[in-house]
Protein backbone atom coordinates (compact mmCIF):
# COMPACT_ATOMS: atom_id res chain seq x y z
CA MET A 1 19.84 -3.24 2.99
CA LYS A 2 20.73 -2.64 -0.64
CA ARG A 3 18.84 -5.80 -1.60
CA ILE A 4 15.72 -4.61 0.23
CA ALA A 5 15.88 -1.27 -1.60
CA ILE A 6 16.16 -3.01 -4.97
CA ILE A 7 13.21 -5.27 -4.15
CA LEU A 8 11.18 -2.25 -3.03
CA ILE A 9 11.95 -0.42 -6.28
CA LEU A 10 10.88 -3.46 -8.30
CA VAL A 11 7.68 -3.83 -6.31
CA VAL A 12 6.81 -0.16 -6.84
CA SER A 13 7.57 -0.29 -10.55
CA VAL A 14 5.63 -3.52 -11.10
CA SER A 15 2.73 -2.49 -8.88
CA GLN A 16 -0.30 -0.58 -10.03
CA LEU A 17 1.64 2.64 -10.48
CA ARG A 18 0.32 4.57 -13.41
CA SER A 19 0.16 8.13 -14.58
CA GLN A 20 -2.90 9.25 -16.47
CA SER A 21 -2.53 12.64 -18.06
CA THR A 22 -5.50 15.01 -17.96
CA GLY A 23 -4.15 18.29 -19.28
CA ASN A 24 -1.40 19.44 -16.91
CA GLN A 25 -2.61 17.13 -14.18
CA SER A 26 -1.28 13.66 -13.54
CA ILE A 27 -2.93 11.02 -11.40
CA LEU A 28 -0.39 8.93 -9.50
CA SER A 29 -1.58 5.79 -7.80
CA GLY A 30 0.00 2.57 -6.67
CA GLU A 31 0.84 0.23 -3.86
CA ILE A 32 4.04 -0.34 -1.92
CA VAL A 33 4.48 -3.72 -0.29
CA HIS A 34 6.23 -3.63 3.10
CA ALA A 35 6.07 0.15 3.36
CA LYS A 36 8.19 1.56 6.18
CA SER A 37 6.57 5.01 6.38
CA GLU A 38 3.34 6.65 5.27
CA GLU A 39 4.91 9.30 3.03
CA ILE A 40 6.17 9.33 -0.54
CA ILE A 41 8.05 12.42 -1.65
CA VAL A 42 7.78 13.69 -5.22
CA ARG A 43 10.97 15.43 -6.38
CA ASN A 44 11.87 17.10 -9.65
CA ASN A 45 14.98 16.48 -11.76
CA PHE A 46 16.92 19.01 -9.63
CA TRP A 47 15.99 16.99 -6.51
CA GLU A 48 13.72 19.77 -5.19
CA LYS A 49 10.73 18.60 -3.17
CA ILE A 50 7.52 19.12 -5.19
CA ASP A 51 4.88 17.37 -3.08
CA THR A 52 4.30 14.70 -0.45
CA LEU A 53 1.90 11.83 -1.07
CA HIS A 54 0.29 10.23 1.98
CA MET A 55 -0.40 6.51 1.93
CA GLN A 56 -3.51 4.84 3.27
CA GLY A 57 -2.42 1.37 4.27
CA ASN A 58 0.00 0.35 1.53
CA GLN A 59 -1.75 2.32 -1.24
CA PHE A 60 -1.47 5.89 -2.47
CA ARG A 61 -3.37 8.06 -4.94
CA ASP A 62 -3.09 11.76 -5.68
CA THR A 63 -3.61 14.24 -8.52
CA LEU A 64 -0.68 16.55 -9.17
CA THR A 65 -0.27 19.50 -11.50
CA LEU A 66 3.13 18.98 -13.14
CA THR A 67 4.98 20.29 -16.16
CA GLN A 68 6.57 17.88 -18.60
CA GLY A 69 9.87 16.47 -17.38
CA TYR A 70 11.52 13.92 -15.13
CA TYR A 71 10.36 13.34 -11.58
CA TYR A 72 11.25 10.95 -8.78
CA LEU A 73 9.03 9.13 -6.31
CA VAL A 74 11.07 8.62 -3.15
CA HIS A 75 10.06 6.28 -0.32
CA GLU A 76 12.69 5.93 2.41
CA GLU A 77 15.88 4.94 0.53
CA ALA A 78 14.13 3.64 -2.60
CA GLN A 79 13.36 5.84 -5.58
CA ILE A 80 11.83 5.47 -9.00
CA ARG A 81 12.24 7.85 -11.94
CA LEU A 82 9.17 8.99 -13.87
CA TYR A 83 8.73 10.94 -17.09
């Protein structure tokens, strides 16, 4: 299970995930291979839930209004840290 989580994290980080800043808004988009659910949770550095991204197929895209800082994208047991 730990190996699957590591592979999922690598796939997410190598995929088309990118953040394009437009003022205080950030566009998050990407693809998760072998997704287990249709939701990705965005959490702040204090692990508070900020937003939920909904996937269409294996892809997601959303525009969020965020302040500068660290955030996490969480999908099932896998997570990736963003700045």
